């Protein structure tokens, strides 16, 4: 078994154990004291310090505001539309060779957040997801391909979701769609040269 295969096996086992005890979303990532305070979170941003920041917009979302019901999950007791938000970006590094789009719940009660959406190998010419027909729709933390909307547990407090566009230094990540989210995110981090991010919220 080669190194990548061993890594996939290890991460898959860990995520399976996590998924067995969670619902679609959760609460805090502080390993010592449960909290929803942004200042107390210990989850890392997943962005290299050297990455250049560019701009992100969405006709469906507003940075810092609640996510609309159209983007909420339609499973696990939630009745949203589970529609992936339209995401647009500008000002990305000129040397970007591809893009990726992700959504991550930093408040999930897993101790490590929850990946809701990972799409990579978006062409370097793209400025939104309409040009992403041949992109790789990765697997989220519930083991499903593509977008998974928020569905935080009732009474769990306000959840914050990072929607991030990553500019990458490679035209193709070289990972299959069923790569575990943590491993895919690790690979993305190592190829990121720029990023754009908005934060939206959800609560029940």
N, C-alpha and C. Protein backbone atom coordinates (compact mmCIF):
# COMPACT_ATOMS: atom_id res chain seq x y z
N UNK A 1 0.85 -1.19 0.00
CA UNK A 1 0.00 0.00 0.00
C UNK A 1 0.89 1.24 0.00
N UNK A 2 0.66 2.19 -0.97
CA UNK A 2 1.53 3.36 -1.03
C UNK A 2 1.12 4.40 0.00
N UNK A 3 1.91 5.49 0.08
CA UNK A 3 1.68 6.50 1.13
C UNK A 3 0.32 7.15 1.02
N UNK A 4 -0.12 7.53 -0.21
CA UNK A 4 -1.43 8.17 -0.38
C UNK A 4 -2.54 7.23 0.06
N UNK A 5 -2.42 5.95 -0.36
CA UNK A 5 -3.46 4.99 0.03
C UNK A 5 -3.54 4.82 1.53
N UNK A 6 -2.35 4.75 2.19
CA UNK A 6 -2.36 4.64 3.65
C UNK A 6 -3.01 5.86 4.28
N UNK A 7 -2.70 7.07 3.75
CA UNK A 7 -3.27 8.30 4.30
C UNK A 7 -4.78 8.32 4.14
N UNK A 8 -5.25 7.90 2.95
CA UNK A 8 -6.69 7.84 2.72
C UNK A 8 -7.36 6.90 3.70
N UNK A 9 -6.74 5.73 3.93
CA UNK A 9 -7.32 4.75 4.85
C UNK A 9 -7.40 5.28 6.26
N UNK A 10 -6.35 5.95 6.72
CA UNK A 10 -6.33 6.49 8.08
C UNK A 10 -7.37 7.58 8.25
N UNK A 11 -7.38 8.55 7.30
CA UNK A 11 -8.32 9.67 7.41
C UNK A 11 -9.76 9.16 7.29
N UNK A 12 -9.99 8.19 6.40
CA UNK A 12 -11.35 7.64 6.25
C UNK A 12 -11.84 7.03 7.54
N UNK A 13 -10.96 6.30 8.24
CA UNK A 13 -11.35 5.69 9.51
C UNK A 13 -11.71 6.73 10.56
N UNK A 14 -10.92 7.79 10.62
CA UNK A 14 -11.18 8.85 11.60
C UNK A 14 -12.51 9.53 11.30
N UNK A 15 -12.73 9.88 10.01
CA UNK A 15 -13.95 10.58 9.65
C UNK A 15 -15.18 9.70 9.83
N UNK A 16 -15.05 8.41 9.59
CA UNK A 16 -16.18 7.51 9.81
C UNK A 16 -16.58 7.48 11.27
N UNK A 17 -15.59 7.50 12.15
CA UNK A 17 -15.88 7.50 13.58
C UNK A 17 -16.56 8.79 13.99
N UNK A 18 -16.11 9.92 13.39
CA UNK A 18 -16.72 11.22 13.69
C UNK A 18 -18.16 11.25 13.21
N UNK A 19 -18.36 10.81 11.93
CA UNK A 19 -19.70 10.88 11.33
C UNK A 19 -20.70 10.04 12.10
N UNK A 20 -20.26 8.97 12.72
CA UNK A 20 -21.17 8.09 13.45
C UNK A 20 -21.82 8.79 14.63
N UNK A 21 -21.18 9.84 15.14
CA UNK A 21 -21.74 10.52 16.31
C UNK A 21 -22.22 11.91 16.05
N UNK A 22 -22.43 12.28 14.75
CA UNK A 22 -22.83 13.63 14.45
C UNK A 22 -24.07 13.67 13.60
N UNK A 23 -24.69 14.86 13.54
CA UNK A 23 -25.72 15.15 12.56
C UNK A 23 -25.07 15.97 11.47
N UNK A 24 -25.85 16.68 10.68
CA UNK A 24 -25.27 17.37 9.53
C UNK A 24 -24.35 18.50 9.93
N UNK A 25 -24.48 19.08 11.11
CA UNK A 25 -23.62 20.17 11.54
C UNK A 25 -23.48 20.11 13.05
N UNK A 26 -22.70 21.05 13.67
CA UNK A 26 -22.53 20.99 15.10
C UNK A 26 -22.09 22.28 15.73
N UNK A 27 -21.48 22.21 16.95
CA UNK A 27 -21.20 23.43 17.69
C UNK A 27 -19.76 23.85 17.64
N UNK A 28 -18.99 23.74 18.74
CA UNK A 28 -17.72 24.43 18.88
C UNK A 28 -16.51 23.61 18.47
N UNK A 29 -15.41 24.34 18.15
CA UNK A 29 -14.16 23.69 17.81
C UNK A 29 -13.09 23.94 18.85
N UNK A 30 -13.37 24.63 19.93
CA UNK A 30 -12.41 24.83 21.00
C UNK A 30 -12.29 23.51 21.75
N UNK A 31 -11.06 22.98 21.86
CA UNK A 31 -10.87 21.67 22.45
C UNK A 31 -11.01 21.66 23.97
N UNK A 32 -11.06 22.83 24.60
CA UNK A 32 -11.09 22.87 26.06
C UNK A 32 -12.44 23.34 26.60
N UNK A 33 -12.99 24.44 26.04
CA UNK A 33 -14.22 25.00 26.56
C UNK A 33 -15.21 25.22 25.44
N UNK A 34 -16.38 24.55 25.43
CA UNK A 34 -17.36 24.75 24.37
C UNK A 34 -17.77 26.22 24.29
N UNK A 35 -17.80 26.77 23.10
CA UNK A 35 -18.12 28.17 22.91
C UNK A 35 -18.43 28.42 21.45
N UNK A 36 -19.19 29.47 21.17
CA UNK A 36 -19.40 29.90 19.80
C UNK A 36 -18.69 31.22 19.54
N UNK A 37 -17.83 31.64 20.44
CA UNK A 37 -17.10 32.89 20.27
C UNK A 37 -16.04 32.73 19.19
N UNK A 38 -16.04 33.57 18.13
CA UNK A 38 -15.04 33.46 17.08
C UNK A 38 -13.62 33.54 17.62
N UNK A 39 -13.40 34.36 18.65
CA UNK A 39 -12.05 34.54 19.19
C UNK A 39 -11.52 33.29 19.87
N UNK A 40 -12.44 32.38 20.27
CA UNK A 40 -12.04 31.21 21.02
C UNK A 40 -11.82 29.98 20.14
N UNK A 41 -12.14 30.07 18.84
CA UNK A 41 -12.01 28.91 17.99
C UNK A 41 -10.55 28.53 17.79
N UNK A 42 -10.28 27.25 17.74
CA UNK A 42 -8.92 26.79 17.52
C UNK A 42 -8.74 26.15 16.15
N UNK A 43 -9.82 26.00 15.38
CA UNK A 43 -9.70 25.43 14.05
C UNK A 43 -8.87 26.38 13.17
N UNK A 44 -7.95 25.82 12.39
CA UNK A 44 -7.09 26.63 11.53
C UNK A 44 -7.82 27.02 10.26
N UNK A 45 -7.37 28.10 9.65
CA UNK A 45 -8.07 28.63 8.48
C UNK A 45 -7.85 27.79 7.23
N UNK A 46 -6.77 27.01 7.18
CA UNK A 46 -6.46 26.23 5.99
C UNK A 46 -5.87 27.05 4.86
N UNK A 47 -5.44 28.26 5.16
CA UNK A 47 -4.87 29.15 4.14
C UNK A 47 -3.41 29.45 4.48
N UNK A 48 -2.48 29.24 3.56
CA UNK A 48 -1.08 29.59 3.83
C UNK A 48 -0.92 31.09 4.07
N UNK A 49 0.00 31.46 4.92
CA UNK A 49 0.23 32.87 5.22
C UNK A 49 0.63 33.66 3.99
N UNK A 50 1.25 33.01 3.02
CA UNK A 50 1.73 33.70 1.82
C UNK A 50 0.64 33.93 0.78
N UNK A 51 -0.54 33.36 0.98
CA UNK A 51 -1.60 33.46 -0.03
C UNK A 51 -2.11 34.90 -0.15
N UNK A 52 -2.33 35.33 -1.39
CA UNK A 52 -2.84 36.67 -1.67
C UNK A 52 -4.37 36.65 -1.60
N UNK A 53 -4.93 37.70 -1.01
CA UNK A 53 -6.38 37.77 -0.87
C UNK A 53 -7.00 38.43 -2.09
N UNK A 54 -8.13 37.86 -2.55
CA UNK A 54 -8.89 38.51 -3.62
C UNK A 54 -10.36 38.57 -3.22
N UNK A 55 -11.25 38.90 -4.15
CA UNK A 55 -12.62 39.25 -3.79
C UNK A 55 -13.62 38.14 -4.15
N UNK A 56 -14.60 37.96 -3.29
CA UNK A 56 -15.68 36.99 -3.49
C UNK A 56 -17.02 37.68 -3.30
N UNK A 57 -17.99 37.36 -4.15
CA UNK A 57 -19.36 37.86 -4.02
C UNK A 57 -20.32 36.72 -4.33
N UNK A 58 -21.57 36.91 -3.96
CA UNK A 58 -22.61 35.94 -4.28
C UNK A 58 -23.95 36.64 -4.35
N UNK A 59 -24.73 36.38 -5.40
CA UNK A 59 -26.08 36.95 -5.45
C UNK A 59 -27.03 36.26 -4.46
N UNK A 60 -26.59 35.16 -3.87
CA UNK A 60 -27.45 34.40 -2.95
C UNK A 60 -27.11 34.63 -1.48
N UNK A 61 -25.93 35.17 -1.20
CA UNK A 61 -25.44 35.29 0.17
C UNK A 61 -24.84 36.66 0.42
N UNK A 62 -24.85 37.05 1.70
CA UNK A 62 -24.21 38.30 2.11
C UNK A 62 -23.22 37.98 3.22
N UNK A 63 -22.00 38.41 3.08
CA UNK A 63 -20.97 38.14 4.07
C UNK A 63 -21.42 38.60 5.45
N UNK A 64 -21.33 37.70 6.44
CA UNK A 64 -21.68 38.03 7.81
C UNK A 64 -23.16 37.86 8.14
N UNK A 65 -23.97 37.48 7.14
CA UNK A 65 -25.41 37.37 7.35
C UNK A 65 -25.86 35.92 7.32
N UNK A 66 -27.12 35.68 7.67
CA UNK A 66 -27.67 34.33 7.71
C UNK A 66 -27.84 33.76 6.31
N UNK A 67 -27.63 32.46 6.18
CA UNK A 67 -27.82 31.78 4.92
C UNK A 67 -29.30 31.62 4.64
N UNK A 68 -29.70 31.78 3.38
CA UNK A 68 -31.11 31.67 3.02
C UNK A 68 -31.56 30.21 3.04
N UNK A 69 -32.86 30.00 3.17
CA UNK A 69 -33.40 28.64 3.22
C UNK A 69 -33.13 27.86 1.94
N UNK A 70 -32.97 28.54 0.84
CA UNK A 70 -32.68 27.85 -0.42
C UNK A 70 -31.37 27.09 -0.34
N UNK A 71 -30.44 27.56 0.49
CA UNK A 71 -29.13 26.92 0.62
C UNK A 71 -29.06 25.93 1.78
N UNK A 72 -30.09 25.88 2.63
CA UNK A 72 -30.09 24.93 3.75
C UNK A 72 -30.25 23.50 3.23
N UNK A 73 -29.88 22.54 4.06
CA UNK A 73 -30.04 21.13 3.71
C UNK A 73 -31.51 20.74 3.64
N UNK A 74 -31.78 19.67 2.90
CA UNK A 74 -33.13 19.11 2.86
C UNK A 74 -33.13 17.70 3.44
N UNK A 75 -32.32 17.51 4.47
CA UNK A 75 -32.21 16.21 5.13
C UNK A 75 -31.94 16.43 6.61
N UNK A 76 -31.90 15.33 7.38
CA UNK A 76 -31.62 15.40 8.82
C UNK A 76 -32.56 16.34 9.56
N UNK A 77 -33.81 16.40 9.11
CA UNK A 77 -34.82 17.22 9.77
C UNK A 77 -34.93 18.63 9.22
N UNK A 78 -34.06 19.02 8.30
CA UNK A 78 -34.13 20.35 7.69
C UNK A 78 -34.86 20.27 6.35
N UNK A 79 -35.52 21.35 5.97
CA UNK A 79 -36.36 21.34 4.77
C UNK A 79 -35.98 22.45 3.80
N UNK A 80 -34.69 22.75 3.71
CA UNK A 80 -34.22 23.77 2.78
C UNK A 80 -34.16 23.24 1.36
N UNK A 81 -33.68 24.08 0.46
CA UNK A 81 -33.59 23.70 -0.94
C UNK A 81 -32.32 22.96 -1.31
N UNK A 82 -31.33 22.98 -0.42
CA UNK A 82 -30.02 22.35 -0.65
C UNK A 82 -29.42 22.78 -1.99
N UNK A 83 -29.59 24.06 -2.31
CA UNK A 83 -29.02 24.60 -3.55
C UNK A 83 -27.66 25.22 -3.26
N UNK A 84 -26.65 24.80 -3.98
CA UNK A 84 -25.33 25.40 -3.81
C UNK A 84 -25.40 26.88 -4.17
N UNK A 85 -24.85 27.74 -3.35
CA UNK A 85 -24.90 29.17 -3.66
C UNK A 85 -24.08 29.51 -4.89
N UNK A 86 -24.53 30.50 -5.63
CA UNK A 86 -23.74 31.02 -6.74
C UNK A 86 -22.60 31.85 -6.16
N UNK A 87 -21.40 31.55 -6.59
CA UNK A 87 -20.20 32.20 -6.06
C UNK A 87 -19.43 32.82 -7.22
N UNK A 88 -18.99 34.05 -7.05
CA UNK A 88 -18.22 34.76 -8.06
C UNK A 88 -16.96 35.33 -7.43
N UNK A 89 -15.92 35.45 -8.21
CA UNK A 89 -14.67 36.00 -7.67
C UNK A 89 -13.97 36.88 -8.69
N UNK A 90 -13.11 37.77 -8.18
CA UNK A 90 -12.35 38.68 -9.04
C UNK A 90 -11.05 39.05 -8.33
N UNK A 91 -10.09 39.51 -9.11
CA UNK A 91 -8.82 39.95 -8.53
C UNK A 91 -7.91 38.81 -8.11
N UNK A 92 -8.14 37.61 -8.62
CA UNK A 92 -7.30 36.46 -8.26
C UNK A 92 -5.90 36.63 -8.84
N UNK A 93 -4.90 35.97 -8.25
CA UNK A 93 -3.53 36.05 -8.79
C UNK A 93 -3.49 35.66 -10.26
N UNK A 94 -2.73 36.43 -11.05
CA UNK A 94 -2.66 36.18 -12.49
C UNK A 94 -2.04 34.83 -12.82
N UNK A 95 -1.23 34.31 -11.89
CA UNK A 95 -0.56 33.03 -12.15
C UNK A 95 -1.34 31.83 -11.64
N UNK A 96 -2.60 32.04 -11.23
CA UNK A 96 -3.44 30.91 -10.80
C UNK A 96 -3.68 29.97 -11.98
N UNK A 97 -3.56 28.67 -11.76
CA UNK A 97 -3.74 27.68 -12.82
C UNK A 97 -5.06 26.91 -12.69
N UNK A 98 -5.72 27.07 -11.56
CA UNK A 98 -7.06 26.51 -11.36
C UNK A 98 -7.62 27.08 -10.07
N UNK A 99 -8.89 26.78 -9.81
CA UNK A 99 -9.55 27.23 -8.59
C UNK A 99 -10.26 26.07 -7.91
N UNK A 100 -10.56 26.26 -6.64
CA UNK A 100 -11.39 25.34 -5.87
C UNK A 100 -12.36 26.16 -5.03
N UNK A 101 -13.51 25.59 -4.74
CA UNK A 101 -14.50 26.24 -3.87
C UNK A 101 -14.86 25.27 -2.75
N UNK A 102 -14.88 25.78 -1.53
CA UNK A 102 -15.20 24.94 -0.37
C UNK A 102 -16.17 25.64 0.56
N UNK A 103 -16.87 24.85 1.38
CA UNK A 103 -17.67 25.40 2.49
C UNK A 103 -17.41 24.54 3.72
N UNK A 104 -17.13 25.20 4.83
CA UNK A 104 -16.70 24.52 6.05
C UNK A 104 -17.40 25.13 7.25
N UNK A 105 -18.00 24.28 8.09
CA UNK A 105 -18.65 24.72 9.33
C UNK A 105 -17.62 24.66 10.46
N UNK A 106 -17.22 25.83 10.94
CA UNK A 106 -16.19 25.86 11.99
C UNK A 106 -16.75 25.53 13.36
N UNK A 107 -18.08 25.48 13.49
CA UNK A 107 -18.71 25.26 14.80
C UNK A 107 -19.28 23.86 14.98
N UNK A 108 -18.98 22.95 14.08
CA UNK A 108 -19.52 21.59 14.20
C UNK A 108 -19.00 20.90 15.46
N UNK A 109 -19.82 20.07 16.12
CA UNK A 109 -19.42 19.44 17.37
C UNK A 109 -18.57 18.20 17.15
N UNK A 110 -17.57 18.34 16.30
CA UNK A 110 -16.68 17.24 15.97
C UNK A 110 -15.29 17.45 16.53
N UNK A 111 -15.00 18.68 16.96
CA UNK A 111 -13.64 19.03 17.36
C UNK A 111 -12.77 19.37 16.18
N UNK A 112 -13.30 19.18 14.96
CA UNK A 112 -12.51 19.46 13.76
C UNK A 112 -13.33 20.09 12.65
N UNK A 113 -14.48 20.68 12.99
CA UNK A 113 -15.32 21.30 11.98
C UNK A 113 -16.01 20.27 11.11
N UNK A 114 -16.69 20.72 10.06
CA UNK A 114 -17.40 19.83 9.15
C UNK A 114 -17.34 20.39 7.73
N UNK A 115 -16.82 19.58 6.80
CA UNK A 115 -16.76 19.97 5.39
C UNK A 115 -18.11 19.70 4.73
N UNK A 116 -18.70 20.77 4.16
CA UNK A 116 -19.98 20.68 3.48
C UNK A 116 -19.84 20.65 1.96
N UNK A 117 -18.71 21.12 1.45
CA UNK A 117 -18.61 21.31 0.00
C UNK A 117 -17.15 21.46 -0.39
N UNK A 118 -16.70 20.65 -1.33
CA UNK A 118 -15.36 20.79 -1.90
C UNK A 118 -15.44 20.51 -3.39
N UNK A 119 -15.08 21.49 -4.19
CA UNK A 119 -15.03 21.34 -5.64
C UNK A 119 -13.69 21.87 -6.11
N UNK A 120 -12.96 21.07 -6.89
CA UNK A 120 -11.65 21.53 -7.35
C UNK A 120 -11.48 21.25 -8.85
N UNK A 121 -10.32 21.66 -9.38
CA UNK A 121 -10.03 21.58 -10.81
C UNK A 121 -10.97 22.47 -11.63
N UNK A 122 -11.35 23.62 -11.06
CA UNK A 122 -12.11 24.63 -11.79
C UNK A 122 -11.13 25.38 -12.68
N UNK A 123 -11.43 25.60 -13.96
CA UNK A 123 -10.46 26.21 -14.88
C UNK A 123 -9.96 27.58 -14.43
N UNK A 124 -8.72 27.89 -14.80
CA UNK A 124 -8.09 29.15 -14.41
C UNK A 124 -8.80 30.36 -15.02
N UNK A 125 -9.54 30.15 -16.11
CA UNK A 125 -10.25 31.25 -16.76
C UNK A 125 -11.58 31.56 -16.09
N UNK A 126 -12.00 30.73 -15.15
CA UNK A 126 -13.31 30.90 -14.52
C UNK A 126 -13.33 32.07 -13.54
N UNK A 127 -14.47 32.74 -13.46
CA UNK A 127 -14.71 33.75 -12.43
C UNK A 127 -15.98 33.42 -11.64
N UNK A 128 -16.57 32.27 -11.94
CA UNK A 128 -17.71 31.77 -11.17
C UNK A 128 -17.83 30.27 -11.47
N UNK A 129 -18.87 29.65 -10.94
CA UNK A 129 -19.00 28.20 -11.07
C UNK A 129 -19.69 27.75 -12.36
N UNK A 130 -20.11 28.69 -13.20
CA UNK A 130 -20.76 28.29 -14.43
C UNK A 130 -19.78 27.61 -15.39
N UNK A 131 -18.47 27.87 -15.19
CA UNK A 131 -17.45 27.26 -16.05
C UNK A 131 -16.85 26.01 -15.41
N UNK A 132 -17.53 25.46 -14.41
CA UNK A 132 -16.96 24.35 -13.64
C UNK A 132 -17.59 23.00 -13.99
N UNK A 133 -18.10 22.87 -15.21
CA UNK A 133 -18.80 21.64 -15.59
C UNK A 133 -17.90 20.41 -15.48
N UNK A 134 -16.62 20.57 -15.76
CA UNK A 134 -15.70 19.44 -15.72
C UNK A 134 -14.88 19.39 -14.43
N UNK A 135 -15.24 20.21 -13.46
CA UNK A 135 -14.53 20.21 -12.18
C UNK A 135 -14.86 18.94 -11.39
N UNK A 136 -14.04 18.66 -10.40
CA UNK A 136 -14.25 17.49 -9.54
C UNK A 136 -15.15 17.88 -8.38
N UNK A 137 -16.30 17.25 -8.26
CA UNK A 137 -17.21 17.46 -7.12
C UNK A 137 -16.78 16.50 -6.02
N UNK A 138 -16.07 17.02 -5.04
CA UNK A 138 -15.53 16.19 -3.97
C UNK A 138 -16.59 15.68 -3.01
N UNK A 139 -16.14 14.85 -2.09
CA UNK A 139 -17.01 14.23 -1.10
C UNK A 139 -17.03 15.04 0.18
N UNK A 140 -18.23 15.32 0.71
CA UNK A 140 -18.32 16.07 1.96
C UNK A 140 -18.17 15.13 3.16
N UNK A 141 -18.24 15.68 4.36
CA UNK A 141 -17.99 14.88 5.55
C UNK A 141 -19.10 13.88 5.87
N UNK A 142 -20.22 13.95 5.18
CA UNK A 142 -21.25 12.93 5.35
C UNK A 142 -21.16 11.85 4.28
N UNK A 143 -20.08 11.91 3.49
CA UNK A 143 -19.82 10.86 2.51
C UNK A 143 -20.57 11.02 1.21
N UNK A 144 -21.15 12.20 0.97
CA UNK A 144 -21.91 12.43 -0.25
C UNK A 144 -21.14 13.36 -1.17
N UNK A 145 -21.33 13.21 -2.45
CA UNK A 145 -20.68 14.05 -3.44
C UNK A 145 -21.42 15.37 -3.59
N UNK A 146 -20.67 16.45 -3.73
CA UNK A 146 -21.27 17.74 -4.01
C UNK A 146 -21.65 18.52 -2.76
N UNK A 147 -22.55 19.46 -2.95
CA UNK A 147 -22.92 20.42 -1.91
C UNK A 147 -23.87 19.82 -0.88
N UNK A 148 -23.62 20.12 0.39
CA UNK A 148 -24.50 19.77 1.50
C UNK A 148 -24.80 21.03 2.29
N UNK A 149 -26.06 21.44 2.32
CA UNK A 149 -26.43 22.67 3.02
C UNK A 149 -26.36 22.53 4.53
N UNK A 150 -26.42 23.66 5.23
CA UNK A 150 -26.39 23.64 6.69
C UNK A 150 -27.64 22.99 7.28
N UNK A 151 -27.46 22.33 8.42
CA UNK A 151 -28.58 21.82 9.23
C UNK A 151 -28.07 21.68 10.65
N UNK A 152 -27.75 22.79 11.31
CA UNK A 152 -27.21 22.70 12.67
C UNK A 152 -28.25 22.17 13.65
N UNK A 153 -27.82 21.43 14.66
CA UNK A 153 -28.78 20.90 15.65
C UNK A 153 -29.55 22.02 16.35
N UNK A 154 -30.80 21.76 16.62
CA UNK A 154 -31.63 22.74 17.32
C UNK A 154 -31.04 23.08 18.68
N UNK A 155 -30.96 24.37 18.97
CA UNK A 155 -30.45 24.84 20.25
C UNK A 155 -28.94 24.82 20.37
N UNK A 156 -28.24 24.55 19.29
CA UNK A 156 -26.78 24.41 19.35
C UNK A 156 -26.05 25.74 19.20
N UNK A 157 -26.77 26.82 19.01
CA UNK A 157 -26.12 28.12 18.87
C UNK A 157 -25.85 28.46 17.41
N UNK A 158 -25.24 29.61 17.22
CA UNK A 158 -24.98 30.12 15.88
C UNK A 158 -23.78 29.42 15.26
N UNK A 159 -23.96 28.89 14.05
CA UNK A 159 -22.88 28.25 13.31
C UNK A 159 -22.35 29.19 12.24
N UNK A 160 -21.04 29.18 12.05
CA UNK A 160 -20.38 30.01 11.06
C UNK A 160 -19.81 29.12 9.96
N UNK A 161 -20.12 29.49 8.73
CA UNK A 161 -19.70 28.70 7.57
C UNK A 161 -18.76 29.53 6.70
N UNK A 162 -17.57 29.01 6.50
CA UNK A 162 -16.61 29.66 5.61
C UNK A 162 -16.85 29.18 4.19
N UNK A 163 -17.17 30.08 3.29
CA UNK A 163 -17.23 29.77 1.86
C UNK A 163 -15.99 30.39 1.23
N UNK A 164 -15.14 29.55 0.67
CA UNK A 164 -13.81 29.98 0.25
C UNK A 164 -13.54 29.60 -1.20
N UNK A 165 -12.98 30.55 -1.94
CA UNK A 165 -12.45 30.27 -3.27
C UNK A 165 -10.94 30.25 -3.14
N UNK A 166 -10.32 29.17 -3.61
CA UNK A 166 -8.87 29.03 -3.54
C UNK A 166 -8.28 29.11 -4.94
N UNK A 167 -7.26 29.94 -5.10
CA UNK A 167 -6.48 29.98 -6.34
C UNK A 167 -5.29 29.04 -6.16
N UNK A 168 -5.12 28.12 -7.10
CA UNK A 168 -4.12 27.07 -6.97
C UNK A 168 -3.00 27.21 -7.99
N UNK A 169 -1.86 26.64 -7.66
CA UNK A 169 -0.69 26.71 -8.55
C UNK A 169 -0.59 25.51 -9.48
N UNK A 170 -1.66 24.74 -9.59
CA UNK A 170 -1.68 23.56 -10.44
C UNK A 170 -2.99 23.49 -11.21
N UNK A 171 -2.98 23.04 -12.47
CA UNK A 171 -4.24 22.95 -13.22
C UNK A 171 -5.13 21.81 -12.77
N UNK A 172 -4.55 20.82 -12.10
CA UNK A 172 -5.32 19.67 -11.63
C UNK A 172 -4.74 19.16 -10.33
N UNK A 173 -5.59 18.92 -9.36
CA UNK A 173 -5.14 18.47 -8.04
C UNK A 173 -4.67 17.02 -8.06
N UNK A 174 -5.20 16.23 -8.99
CA UNK A 174 -4.78 14.84 -9.10
C UNK A 174 -5.37 13.93 -8.05
N UNK A 175 -6.54 14.31 -7.52
CA UNK A 175 -7.22 13.48 -6.51
C UNK A 175 -8.58 13.04 -7.02
N UNK A 176 -9.00 11.83 -6.72
CA UNK A 176 -10.34 11.38 -7.12
C UNK A 176 -11.42 12.05 -6.28
N UNK A 177 -12.64 12.03 -6.79
CA UNK A 177 -13.76 12.70 -6.12
C UNK A 177 -14.05 12.11 -4.75
N UNK A 178 -13.73 10.84 -4.52
CA UNK A 178 -14.03 10.21 -3.23
C UNK A 178 -12.92 10.36 -2.21
N UNK A 179 -11.95 11.24 -2.47
CA UNK A 179 -10.90 11.53 -1.49
C UNK A 179 -11.54 12.06 -0.21
N UNK A 180 -11.17 11.57 0.96
CA UNK A 180 -11.73 12.10 2.20
C UNK A 180 -11.50 13.61 2.30
N UNK A 181 -12.49 14.37 2.80
CA UNK A 181 -12.40 15.83 2.82
C UNK A 181 -11.14 16.37 3.50
N UNK A 182 -10.74 15.78 4.63
CA UNK A 182 -9.56 16.28 5.33
C UNK A 182 -8.30 16.14 4.47
N UNK A 183 -8.21 15.04 3.74
CA UNK A 183 -7.05 14.83 2.88
C UNK A 183 -7.09 15.77 1.68
N UNK A 184 -8.28 15.97 1.10
CA UNK A 184 -8.41 16.91 -0.01
C UNK A 184 -8.07 18.33 0.44
N UNK A 185 -8.54 18.72 1.63
CA UNK A 185 -8.25 20.05 2.15
C UNK A 185 -6.75 20.23 2.39
N UNK A 186 -6.08 19.19 2.86
CA UNK A 186 -4.64 19.24 3.07
C UNK A 186 -3.92 19.47 1.73
N UNK A 187 -4.35 18.75 0.69
CA UNK A 187 -3.75 18.92 -0.62
C UNK A 187 -4.01 20.32 -1.18
N UNK A 188 -5.22 20.83 -0.98
CA UNK A 188 -5.54 22.18 -1.42
C UNK A 188 -4.67 23.22 -0.74
N UNK A 189 -4.50 23.07 0.56
CA UNK A 189 -3.68 24.00 1.32
C UNK A 189 -2.28 24.12 0.75
N UNK A 190 -1.71 23.01 0.34
CA UNK A 190 -0.33 22.99 -0.14
C UNK A 190 -0.18 23.59 -1.53
N UNK A 191 -1.30 23.75 -2.26
CA UNK A 191 -1.23 24.32 -3.61
C UNK A 191 -1.84 25.71 -3.70
N UNK A 192 -2.28 26.27 -2.59
CA UNK A 192 -2.98 27.55 -2.58
C UNK A 192 -2.02 28.72 -2.67
N UNK A 193 -2.28 29.63 -3.63
CA UNK A 193 -1.50 30.86 -3.77
C UNK A 193 -2.36 32.10 -3.53
N UNK A 194 -3.65 31.93 -3.45
CA UNK A 194 -4.55 33.04 -3.19
C UNK A 194 -5.89 32.54 -2.70
N UNK A 195 -6.65 33.43 -2.06
CA UNK A 195 -7.96 33.00 -1.54
C UNK A 195 -8.92 34.17 -1.45
N UNK A 196 -10.20 33.84 -1.48
CA UNK A 196 -11.28 34.79 -1.22
C UNK A 196 -12.27 34.08 -0.32
N UNK A 197 -12.76 34.74 0.71
CA UNK A 197 -13.61 34.05 1.68
C UNK A 197 -14.72 34.96 2.20
N UNK A 198 -15.92 34.37 2.35
CA UNK A 198 -17.01 35.03 3.07
C UNK A 198 -17.50 34.08 4.16
N UNK A 199 -18.09 34.65 5.20
CA UNK A 199 -18.63 33.86 6.29
C UNK A 199 -20.14 34.10 6.37
N UNK A 200 -20.90 33.02 6.38
CA UNK A 200 -22.35 33.13 6.55
C UNK A 200 -22.76 32.27 7.74
N UNK A 201 -23.95 32.46 8.24
CA UNK A 201 -24.35 31.81 9.48
C UNK A 201 -25.65 31.04 9.32
N UNK A 202 -25.90 30.13 10.26
CA UNK A 202 -27.16 29.39 10.33
C UNK A 202 -27.38 28.95 11.77
N UNK A 203 -28.65 28.89 12.17
CA UNK A 203 -28.98 28.53 13.55
C UNK A 203 -30.40 28.01 13.60
N UNK A 204 -30.61 27.00 14.49
CA UNK A 204 -31.96 26.50 14.74
C UNK A 204 -32.27 26.60 16.23
